[in-house]
Amino acid sequence: MSAYPNDANSRVESSVDDGVLVLTLNSPGDGNALDVAMTEALSDALEQVNDRRDVHCVLLRSSSRHFCTGGNVKDMQSGSDLMSGSVEDVRDRLHRSLHRITRALSSLDVPSVCAVNGAAVGAGCDLALMCDIRLASTKAVFAESFLRLGLVSGIGGSWFLARMVGYAKALELTLTSEFIDADAALGLGIVSKVVPEDALDSEALSLAKHIAHNPPIALRMAKRLVREAADASLPATLEMAASMQAILLCGREHKEAVGRFLEQQAAKKRTHN
């Protein structure tokens, strides 16, 4: 038997830790390439999140030395997997398969954290960009490398990249296919923190748990408000903010949170007296 996973279910390991759904890309033999099996497994897991009340944050990571190397170049050469068939066949397959990941991640109600431990290349770079927050190890590298293979981003990464680094820098990274290291990614705002390789998993999980410990209804609303505000007018944002705040202020979750806060403040006061 192969030492590497061969079926869709084993390509993405899933577990819940203190409100955090940890999804681990687990196909080290091909650099966690986004073939049909990996795509289906990751999509299946992500599409279930919004209906899970036990999940308050998603952590996406990898079990191998690469985060995700994008499309499988051998499949491209042979015209197999996602690349098989006519132009119409491939286009429809991208919509029905690969774009499931994009739609699922972009519509997550809960926040998502990505831990990039090595190469995030091509569609693998785009996959990281789709998450809300990215942490990188010192060994991480990023590249919008599609033009090296005569391609463009077929998973929608250009939409996320332009909004993250601006139009001119997005064009530069796309047209040069430049590889950038973790520190350069930090400078561009692609990642929020760079940590030693052996500390990445613990740092990312700690951040995800910190996020997950927030009141769950308010957490989902907070993410939605920031996401919608990025493309909305100020009046529309104010209307949404007022509606969400009114719902929360009248709800039990807010009152319980206030009670806990006041209890903690009283305890601190007693400790210092």
C-alpha atoms as a PDB file:
ATOM      1  CA  MET A   1       0.000   0.000   0.000  1.00  0.00           C
ATOM      2  CA  SER A   2       1.076   3.568  -0.669  1.00  0.00           C
ATOM      3  CA  ALA A   3       2.340   5.613   2.241  1.00  0.00           C
ATOM      4  CA  TYR A   4       0.277   8.499   0.961  1.00  0.00           C
ATOM      5  CA  PRO A   5      -3.501   8.910   0.969  1.00  0.00           C
ATOM      6  CA  ASN A   6      -5.230   7.807  -2.228  1.00  0.00           C
ATOM      7  CA  ASP A   7      -8.884   8.537  -1.571  1.00  0.00           C
ATOM      8  CA  ALA A   8     -10.645  11.852  -1.134  1.00  0.00           C
ATOM      9  CA  ASN A   9     -11.569  11.391   2.523  1.00  0.00           C
ATOM     10  CA  SER A  10      -7.982  10.806   3.666  1.00  0.00           C
ATOM     11  CA  ARG A  11      -6.558  13.800   1.817  1.00  0.00           C
ATOM     12  CA  VAL A  12      -8.029  16.233   4.323  1.00  0.00           C
ATOM     13  CA  GLU A  13      -7.888  15.301   7.991  1.00  0.00           C
ATOM     14  CA  SER A  14     -10.517  16.918  10.200  1.00  0.00           C
ATOM     15  CA  SER A  15     -10.775  17.420  13.956  1.00  0.00           C
ATOM     16  CA  VAL A  16     -12.383  19.881  16.381  1.00  0.00           C
ATOM     17  CA  ASP A  17     -10.301  21.367  19.191  1.00  0.00           C
ATOM     18  CA  ASP A  18     -12.039  23.742  21.623  1.00  0.00           C
ATOM     19  CA  GLY A  19     -14.343  25.229  18.983  1.00  0.00           C
ATOM     20  CA  VAL A  20     -11.725  25.195  16.208  1.00  0.00           C
ATOM     21  CA  LEU A  21     -12.214  22.970  13.169  1.00  0.00           C
ATOM     22  CA  VAL A  22      -8.690  21.958  12.146  1.00  0.00           C
ATOM     23  CA  LEU A  23      -8.484  20.937   8.487  1.00  0.00           C
ATOM     24  CA  THR A  24      -5.149  19.416   7.518  1.00  0.00           C
ATOM     25  CA  LEU A  25      -4.131  18.994   3.880  1.00  0.00           C
ATOM     26  CA  ASN A  26      -2.595  15.530   3.866  1.00  0.00           C
ATOM     27  CA  SER A  27      -1.269  14.458   0.479  1.00  0.00           C
ATOM     28  CA  PRO A  28       2.490  14.966   0.864  1.00  0.00           C
ATOM     29  CA  GLY A  29       3.382  12.789  -2.123  1.00  0.00           C
ATOM     30  CA  ASP A  30       2.156  15.432  -4.564  1.00  0.00           C
ATOM     31  CA  GLY A  31       2.718  18.552  -2.487  1.00  0.00           C
ATOM     32  CA  ASN A  32      -0.947  18.705  -1.445  1.00  0.00           C
ATOM     33  CA  ALA A  33      -1.868  19.470  -5.046  1.00  0.00           C
ATOM     34  CA  LEU A  34      -5.434  20.561  -5.705  1.00  0.00           C
ATOM     35  CA  ASP A  35      -6.508  17.602  -7.802  1.00  0.00           C
ATOM     36  CA  VAL A  36     -10.113  16.423  -7.922  1.00  0.00           C
ATOM     37  CA  ALA A  37      -9.754  14.230  -4.818  1.00  0.00           C
ATOM     38  CA  MET A  38      -8.198  16.999  -2.700  1.00  0.00           C
ATOM     39  CA  THR A  39     -10.671  19.553  -4.014  1.00  0.00           C
ATOM     40  CA  GLU A  40     -13.690  17.387  -3.250  1.00  0.00           C
ATOM     41  CA  ALA A  41     -12.450  16.513   0.238  1.00  0.00           C
ATOM     42  CA  LEU A  42     -11.704  20.114   1.195  1.00  0.00           C
ATOM     43  CA  SER A  43     -14.943  21.392  -0.328  1.00  0.00           C
ATOM     44  CA  ASP A  44     -17.007  18.777   1.496  1.00  0.00           C
ATOM     45  CA  ALA A  45     -15.482  19.789   4.834  1.00  0.00           C
ATOM     46  CA  LEU A  46     -15.840  23.541   4.280  1.00  0.00           C
ATOM     47  CA  GLU A  47     -19.414  23.397   3.003  1.00  0.00           C
ATOM     48  CA  GLN A  48     -20.596  21.848   6.279  1.00  0.00           C
ATOM     49  CA  VAL A  49     -19.125  24.510   8.576  1.00  0.00           C
ATOM     50  CA  ASN A  50     -21.940  27.068   8.580  1.00  0.00           C
ATOM     51  CA  ASP A  51     -24.390  24.473   9.888  1.00  0.00           C
ATOM     52  CA  ARG A  52     -22.106  23.313  12.702  1.00  0.00           C
ATOM     53  CA  ARG A  53     -22.771  24.977  16.051  1.00  0.00           C
ATOM     54  CA  ASP A  54     -19.652  23.360  17.558  1.00  0.00           C
ATOM     55  CA  VAL A  55     -17.332  25.233  15.171  1.00  0.00           C
ATOM     56  CA  HIS A  56     -16.459  28.888  15.807  1.00  0.00           C
ATOM     57  CA  CYS A  57     -13.253  29.149  13.767  1.00  0.00           C
ATOM     58  CA  VAL A  58     -11.551  27.155  10.997  1.00  0.00           C
ATOM     59  CA  LEU A  59      -7.815  26.487  10.934  1.00  0.00           C
ATOM     60  CA  LEU A  60      -6.384  25.335   7.590  1.00  0.00           C
ATOM     61  CA  ARG A  61      -2.927  23.758   7.732  1.00  0.00           C
ATOM     62  CA  SER A  62      -0.737  21.115   6.107  1.00  0.00           C
ATOM     63  CA  SER A  63       0.889  17.958   7.421  1.00  0.00           C
ATOM     64  CA  SER A  64       3.852  18.100   5.030  1.00  0.00           C
ATOM     65  CA  ARG A  65       6.734  20.414   4.118  1.00  0.00           C
ATOM     66  CA  HIS A  66       4.541  22.146   1.520  1.00  0.00           C
ATOM     67  CA  PHE A  67       1.315  23.987   2.243  1.00  0.00           C
ATOM     68  CA  CYS A  68      -0.138  23.522  -1.244  1.00  0.00           C
ATOM     69  CA  THR A  69       1.680  23.505  -4.579  1.00  0.00           C
ATOM     70  CA  GLY A  70      -1.432  24.219  -6.643  1.00  0.00           C
ATOM     71  CA  GLY A  71      -2.295  22.170  -9.701  1.00  0.00           C
ATOM     72  CA  ASN A  72      -0.516  18.906 -10.418  1.00  0.00           C
ATOM     73  CA  VAL A  73       1.895  19.603 -13.312  1.00  0.00           C
ATOM     74  CA  LYS A  74       2.014  15.919 -14.288  1.00  0.00           C
ATOM     75  CA  ASP A  75      -1.771  15.964 -14.680  1.00  0.00           C
ATOM     76  CA  MET A  76      -1.433  19.078 -16.830  1.00  0.00           C
ATOM     77  CA  GLN A  77       1.050  17.287 -19.077  1.00  0.00           C
ATOM     78  CA  SER A  78      -1.098  14.196 -19.430  1.00  0.00           C
ATOM     79  CA  GLY A  79      -4.377  16.098 -19.669  1.00  0.00           C
ATOM     80  CA  SER A  80      -5.917  14.131 -16.813  1.00  0.00           C
ATOM     81  CA  ASP A  81      -7.840  14.877 -13.629  1.00  0.00           C
ATOM     82  CA  LEU A  82      -9.167  18.485 -13.674  1.00  0.00           C
ATOM     83  CA  MET A  83      -7.530  19.068 -17.064  1.00  0.00           C
ATOM     84  CA  SER A  84      -9.216  16.291 -19.076  1.00  0.00           C
ATOM     85  CA  GLY A  85     -11.603  16.832 -21.974  1.00  0.00           C
ATOM     86  CA  SER A  86     -12.555  19.811 -24.137  1.00  0.00           C
ATOM     87  CA  VAL A  87     -12.380  23.509 -23.293  1.00  0.00           C
ATOM     88  CA  GLU A  88     -16.051  23.364 -22.287  1.00  0.00           C
ATOM     89  CA  ASP A  89     -15.449  20.265 -20.146  1.00  0.00           C
ATOM     90  CA  VAL A  90     -12.552  21.862 -18.265  1.00  0.00           C
ATOM     91  CA  ARG A  91     -14.437  25.133 -17.767  1.00  0.00           C
ATOM     92  CA  ASP A  92     -17.466  23.338 -16.356  1.00  0.00           C
ATOM     93  CA  ARG A  93     -15.277  21.169 -14.139  1.00  0.00           C
ATOM     94  CA  LEU A  94     -13.534  24.239 -12.708  1.00  0.00           C
ATOM     95  CA  HIS A  95     -16.937  25.748 -11.876  1.00  0.00           C
ATOM     96  CA  ARG A  96     -18.312  22.544 -10.370  1.00  0.00           C
ATOM     97  CA  SER A  97     -15.186  21.340  -8.556  1.00  0.00           C
ATOM     98  CA  LEU A  98     -12.375  23.813  -7.918  1.00  0.00           C
ATOM     99  CA  HIS A  99     -14.668  26.812  -7.446  1.00  0.00           C
ATOM    100  CA  ARG A 100     -16.473  24.970  -4.648  1.00  0.00           C
ATOM    101  CA  ILE A 101     -13.471  25.784  -2.463  1.00  0.00           C
ATOM    102  CA  THR A 102     -13.602  29.479  -3.379  1.00  0.00           C
ATOM    103  CA  ARG A 103     -17.322  29.743  -2.761  1.00  0.00           C
ATOM    104  CA  ALA A 104     -17.138  27.806   0.517  1.00  0.00           C
ATOM    105  CA  LEU A 105     -14.264  29.799   1.993  1.00  0.00           C
ATOM    106  CA  SER A 106     -15.622  33.171   0.880  1.00  0.00           C
ATOM    107  CA  SER A 107     -19.041  32.412   2.394  1.00  0.00           C
ATOM    108  CA  LEU A 108     -17.871  31.002   5.729  1.00  0.00           C
ATOM    109  CA  ASP A 109     -19.832  32.558   8.593  1.00  0.00           C
ATOM    110  CA  VAL A 110     -16.990  31.865  11.039  1.00  0.00           C
ATOM    111  CA  PRO A 111     -13.452  33.269  10.765  1.00  0.00           C
ATOM    112  CA  SER A 112     -10.709  31.244   9.085  1.00  0.00           C
ATOM    113  CA  VAL A 113      -7.010  31.101   9.941  1.00  0.00           C
ATOM    114  CA  CYS A 114      -4.396  29.654   7.589  1.00  0.00           C
ATOM    115  CA  ALA A 115      -1.016  28.306   8.712  1.00  0.00           C
ATOM    116  CA  VAL A 116       1.422  28.363   5.787  1.00  0.00           C
ATOM    117  CA  ASN A 117       4.395  26.163   6.571  1.00  0.00           C
ATOM    118  CA  GLY A 118       6.121  25.922   3.187  1.00  0.00           C
ATOM    119  CA  ALA A 119       5.324  26.496  -0.480  1.00  0.00           C
ATOM    120  CA  ALA A 120       1.985  28.151  -1.255  1.00  0.00           C
ATOM    121  CA  VAL A 121       2.207  28.269  -5.013  1.00  0.00           C
ATOM    122  CA  GLY A 122      -0.305  28.984  -7.766  1.00  0.00           C
ATOM    123  CA  ALA A 123      -3.723  27.803  -6.652  1.00  0.00           C
ATOM    124  CA  GLY A 124      -2.111  26.977  -3.299  1.00  0.00           C
ATOM    125  CA  CYS A 125      -1.232  30.651  -2.851  1.00  0.00           C
ATOM    126  CA  ASP A 126      -4.791  31.565  -3.799  1.00  0.00           C
ATOM    127  CA  LEU A 127      -6.129  29.067  -1.280  1.00  0.00           C
ATOM    128  CA  ALA A 128      -4.193  30.824   1.479  1.00  0.00           C
ATOM    129  CA  LEU A 129      -5.395  34.238   0.275  1.00  0.00           C
ATOM    130  CA  MET A 130      -9.032  33.124   0.610  1.00  0.00           C
ATOM    131  CA  CYS A 131      -8.665  32.654   4.362  1.00  0.00           C
ATOM    132  CA  ASP A 132      -9.291  35.594   6.683  1.00  0.00           C
ATOM    133  CA  ILE A 133      -5.958  35.571   8.538  1.00  0.00           C
ATOM    134  CA  ARG A 134      -2.639  34.006   7.531  1.00  0.00           C
ATOM    135  CA  LEU A 135       0.333  33.056   9.691  1.00  0.00           C
ATOM    136  CA  ALA A 136       3.549  31.870   8.048  1.00  0.00           C
ATOM    137  CA  SER A 137       6.602  29.979   9.134  1.00  0.00           C
ATOM    138  CA  THR A 138      10.039  31.302   8.250  1.00  0.00           C
ATOM    139  CA  LYS A 139      10.169  28.557   5.566  1.00  0.00           C
ATOM    140  CA  ALA A 140       7.008  29.757   3.789  1.00  0.00           C
ATOM    141  CA  VAL A 141       7.117  31.031   0.205  1.00  0.00           C
ATOM    142  CA  PHE A 142       4.304  32.441  -1.894  1.00  0.00           C
ATOM    143  CA  ALA A 143       3.937  32.767  -5.660  1.00  0.00           C
ATOM    144  CA  GLU A 144       1.243  33.639  -8.171  1.00  0.00           C
ATOM    145  CA  SER A 145       3.197  31.454 -10.570  1.00  0.00           C
ATOM    146  CA  PHE A 146       0.559  30.696 -13.203  1.00  0.00           C
ATOM    147  CA  LEU A 147       2.295  32.473 -16.109  1.00  0.00           C
ATOM    148  CA  ARG A 148       5.315  30.191 -15.705  1.00  0.00           C
ATOM    149  CA  LEU A 149       3.024  27.455 -17.046  1.00  0.00           C
ATOM    150  CA  GLY A 150       1.144  29.636 -19.504  1.00  0.00           C
ATOM    151  CA  LEU A 151      -1.919  29.920 -17.265  1.00  0.00           C
ATOM    152  CA  VAL A 152      -3.914  32.402 -15.176  1.00  0.00           C
ATOM    153  CA  SER A 153      -5.466  31.912 -11.748  1.00  0.00           C
ATOM    154  CA  GLY A 154      -8.455  29.672 -12.381  1.00  0.00           C
ATOM    155  CA  ILE A 155      -9.703  29.618  -8.800  1.00  0.00           C
ATOM    156  CA  GLY A 156     -10.306  33.347  -8.322  1.00  0.00           C
ATOM    157  CA  GLY A 157      -7.116  34.345  -6.568  1.00  0.00           C
ATOM    158  CA  SER A 158      -6.760  37.572  -8.552  1.00  0.00           C
ATOM    159  CA  TRP A 159      -9.891  38.934  -6.814  1.00  0.00           C
ATOM    160  CA  PHE A 160      -8.435  38.330  -3.350  1.00  0.00           C
ATOM    161  CA  LEU A 161      -4.874  39.394  -4.211  1.00  0.00           C
ATOM    162  CA  ALA A 162      -5.860  42.775  -5.699  1.00  0.00           C
ATOM    163  CA  ARG A 163      -7.921  43.632  -2.641  1.00  0.00           C
ATOM    164  CA  MET A 164      -5.109  42.583  -0.325  1.00  0.00           C
ATOM    165  CA  VAL A 165      -2.042  44.254  -1.856  1.00  0.00           C
ATOM    166  CA  GLY A 166      -3.532  46.756  -4.320  1.00  0.00           C
ATOM    167  CA  TYR A 167      -3.850  46.739  -8.107  1.00  0.00           C
ATOM    168  CA  ALA A 168      -0.258  47.594  -9.040  1.00  0.00           C
ATOM    169  CA  LYS A 169       1.395  45.099  -6.666  1.00  0.00           C
ATOM    170  CA  ALA A 170      -1.084  42.387  -7.632  1.00  0.00           C
ATOM    171  CA  LEU A 171      -0.140  42.928 -11.278  1.00  0.00           C
ATOM    172  CA  GLU A 172       3.564  42.831 -10.437  1.00  0.00           C
ATOM    173  CA  LEU A 173       3.274  39.555  -8.516  1.00  0.00           C
ATOM    174  CA  THR A 174       1.104  38.065 -11.270  1.00  0.00           C
ATOM    175  CA  LEU A 175       3.121  39.197 -14.288  1.00  0.00           C
ATOM    176  CA  THR A 176       6.535  38.325 -12.832  1.00  0.00           C
ATOM    177  CA  SER A 177       5.491  35.030 -11.167  1.00  0.00           C
ATOM    178  CA  GLU A 178       7.899  36.156  -8.444  1.00  0.00           C
ATOM    179  CA  PHE A 179       8.427  33.949  -5.393  1.00  0.00           C
ATOM    180  CA  ILE A 180       8.353  35.950  -2.172  1.00  0.00           C
ATOM    181  CA  ASP A 181       9.467  34.760   1.236  1.00  0.00           C
ATOM    182  CA  ALA A 182       7.592  35.067   4.516  1.00  0.00           C
ATOM    183  CA  ASP A 183       9.121  38.403   5.475  1.00  0.00           C
ATOM    184  CA  ALA A 184       8.183  39.938   2.121  1.00  0.00           C
ATOM    185  CA  ALA A 185       4.664  38.554   2.518  1.00  0.00           C
ATOM    186  CA  LEU A 186       4.508  40.162   5.967  1.00  0.00           C
ATOM    187  CA  GLY A 187       5.567  43.507   4.531  1.00  0.00           C
ATOM    188  CA  LEU A 188       2.819  43.332   1.920  1.00  0.00           C
ATOM    189  CA  GLY A 189       0.171  42.420   4.480  1.00  0.00           C
ATOM    190  CA  ILE A 190      -0.375  38.971   2.978  1.00  0.00           C
ATOM    191  CA  VAL A 191       0.465  37.401   6.345  1.00  0.00           C
ATOM    192  CA  SER A 192      -0.032  38.963   9.762  1.00  0.00           C
ATOM    193  CA  LYS A 193       2.798  37.155  11.546  1.00  0.00           C
ATOM    194  CA  VAL A 194       5.936  35.120  10.812  1.00  0.00           C
ATOM    195  CA  VAL A 195       7.006  32.521  13.359  1.00  0.00           C
ATOM    196  CA  PRO A 196       9.680  29.812  13.573  1.00  0.00           C
ATOM    197  CA  GLU A 197       8.789  26.618  11.710  1.00  0.00           C
ATOM    198  CA  ASP A 198       8.419  24.546  14.879  1.00  0.00           C
ATOM    199  CA  ALA A 199       6.093  27.116  16.462  1.00  0.00           C
ATOM    200  CA  LEU A 200       3.679  27.626  13.556  1.00  0.00           C
ATOM    201  CA  ASP A 201       1.065  25.032  14.485  1.00  0.00           C
ATOM    202  CA  SER A 202       0.875  26.050  18.128  1.00  0.00           C
ATOM    203  CA  GLU A 203       0.744  29.775  17.282  1.00  0.00           C
ATOM    204  CA  ALA A 204      -1.954  29.287  14.663  1.00  0.00           C
ATOM    205  CA  LEU A 205      -4.059  27.052  16.902  1.00  0.00           C
ATOM    206  CA  SER A 206      -3.678  29.489  19.813  1.00  0.00           C
ATOM    207  CA  LEU A 207      -4.908  32.338  17.610  1.00  0.00           C
ATOM    208  CA  ALA A 208      -7.817  30.269  16.281  1.00  0.00           C
ATOM    209  CA  LYS A 209      -8.849  29.268  19.822  1.00  0.00           C
ATOM    210  CA  HIS A 210      -8.642  32.882  20.988  1.00  0.00           C
ATOM    211  CA  ILE A 211     -11.016  33.861  18.175  1.00  0.00           C
ATOM    212  CA  ALA A 212     -13.296  30.863  18.802  1.00  0.00           C
ATOM    213  CA  HIS A 213     -13.768  31.799  22.480  1.00  0.00           C
ATOM    214  CA  ASN A 214     -15.763  34.913  21.543  1.00  0.00           C
ATOM    215  CA  PRO A 215     -19.568  34.839  21.895  1.00  0.00           C
ATOM    216  CA  PRO A 216     -20.568  32.819  18.810  1.00  0.00           C
ATOM    217  CA  ILE A 217     -23.469  34.894  17.461  1.00  0.00           C
ATOM    218  CA  ALA A 218     -21.555  38.159  17.828  1.00  0.00           C
ATOM    219  CA  LEU A 219     -18.475  36.504  16.297  1.00  0.00           C
ATOM    220  CA  ARG A 220     -20.319  35.575  13.118  1.00  0.00           C
ATOM    221  CA  MET A 221     -21.908  38.998  12.880  1.00  0.00           C
ATOM    222  CA  ALA A 222     -18.565  40.744  13.419  1.00  0.00           C
ATOM    223  CA  LYS A 223     -16.982  38.834  10.559  1.00  0.00           C
ATOM    224  CA  ARG A 224     -19.931  39.531   8.277  1.00  0.00           C
ATOM    225  CA  LEU A 225     -19.905  43.238   9.102  1.00  0.00           C
ATOM    226  CA  VAL A 226     -16.212  43.635   8.251  1.00  0.00           C
ATOM    227  CA  ARG A 227     -16.582  41.530   5.090  1.00  0.00           C
ATOM    228  CA  GLU A 228     -19.603  43.475   3.816  1.00  0.00           C
ATOM    229  CA  ALA A 229     -18.158  46.862   4.823  1.00  0.00           C
ATOM    230  CA  ALA A 230     -15.130  46.293   2.578  1.00  0.00           C
ATOM    231  CA  ASP A 231     -17.300  46.738  -0.541  1.00  0.00           C
ATOM    232  CA  ALA A 232     -20.234  48.762   0.828  1.00  0.00           C
ATOM    233  CA  SER A 233     -20.930  52.474   1.189  1.00  0.00           C
ATOM    234  CA  LEU A 234     -20.749  54.118   4.603  1.00  0.00           C
ATOM    235  CA  PRO A 235     -24.553  54.589   4.827  1.00  0.00           C
ATOM    236  CA  ALA A 236     -25.122  50.926   3.995  1.00  0.00           C
ATOM    237  CA  THR A 237     -22.504  49.890   6.544  1.00  0.00           C
ATOM    238  CA  LEU A 238     -24.058  52.076   9.239  1.00  0.00           C
ATOM    239  CA  GLU A 239     -27.473  50.556   8.576  1.00  0.00           C
ATOM    240  CA  MET A 240     -26.079  47.032   8.843  1.00  0.00           C
ATOM    241  CA  ALA A 241     -24.092  47.922  11.981  1.00  0.00           C
ATOM    242  CA  ALA A 242     -27.168  49.393  13.676  1.00  0.00           C
ATOM    243  CA  SER A 243     -29.299  46.355  12.860  1.00  0.00           C
ATOM    244  CA  MET A 244     -26.684  43.881  14.076  1.00  0.00           C
ATOM    245  CA  GLN A 245     -25.965  45.865  17.224  1.00  0.00           C
ATOM    246  CA  ALA A 246     -29.654  46.108  18.089  1.00  0.00           C
ATOM    247  CA  ILE A 247     -30.084  42.356  17.708  1.00  0.00           C
ATOM    248  CA  LEU A 248     -27.063  41.697  19.909  1.00  0.00           C
ATOM    249  CA  LEU A 249     -27.937  44.274  22.569  1.00  0.00           C
ATOM    250  CA  CYS A 250     -31.365  42.681  23.005  1.00  0.00           C
ATOM    251  CA  GLY A 251     -30.019  39.144  23.100  1.00  0.00           C
ATOM    252  CA  ARG A 252     -29.060  36.816  25.919  1.00  0.00           C
ATOM    253  CA  GLU A 253     -25.512  36.296  24.638  1.00  0.00           C
ATOM    254  CA  HIS A 254     -24.610  39.955  25.175  1.00  0.00           C
ATOM    255  CA  LYS A 255     -26.144  40.054  28.664  1.00  0.00           C
ATOM    256  CA  GLU A 256     -24.239  36.923  29.674  1.00  0.00           C
ATOM    257  CA  ALA A 257     -21.003  38.390  28.312  1.00  0.00           C
ATOM    258  CA  VAL A 258     -21.541  41.598  30.293  1.00  0.00           C
ATOM    259  CA  GLY A 259     -22.175  39.538  33.443  1.00  0.00           C
ATOM    260  CA  ARG A 260     -18.930  37.606  32.947  1.00  0.00           C
ATOM    261  CA  PHE A 261     -17.002  40.819  32.326  1.00  0.00           C
ATOM    262  CA  LEU A 262     -18.280  42.449  35.510  1.00  0.00           C
ATOM    263  CA  GLU A 263     -17.529  39.309  37.531  1.00  0.00           C
ATOM    264  CA  GLN A 264     -13.966  39.266  36.195  1.00  0.00           C
ATOM    265  CA  GLN A 265     -13.500  42.948  37.018  1.00  0.00           C
ATOM    266  CA  ALA A 266     -14.780  42.375  40.569  1.00  0.00           C
ATOM    267  CA  ALA A 267     -12.433  39.412  40.990  1.00  0.00           C
ATOM    268  CA  LYS A 268      -9.455  41.495  39.859  1.00  0.00           C
ATOM    269  CA  LYS A 269     -10.423  44.244  42.280  1.00  0.00           C
ATOM    270  CA  ARG A 270     -10.626  41.772  45.185  1.00  0.00           C
ATOM    271  CA  THR A 271      -7.216  40.355  44.230  1.00  0.00           C
ATOM    272  CA  HIS A 272      -5.564  43.785  44.314  1.00  0.00           C
ATOM    273  CA  ASN A 273      -7.179  44.820  47.626  1.00  0.00           C
END
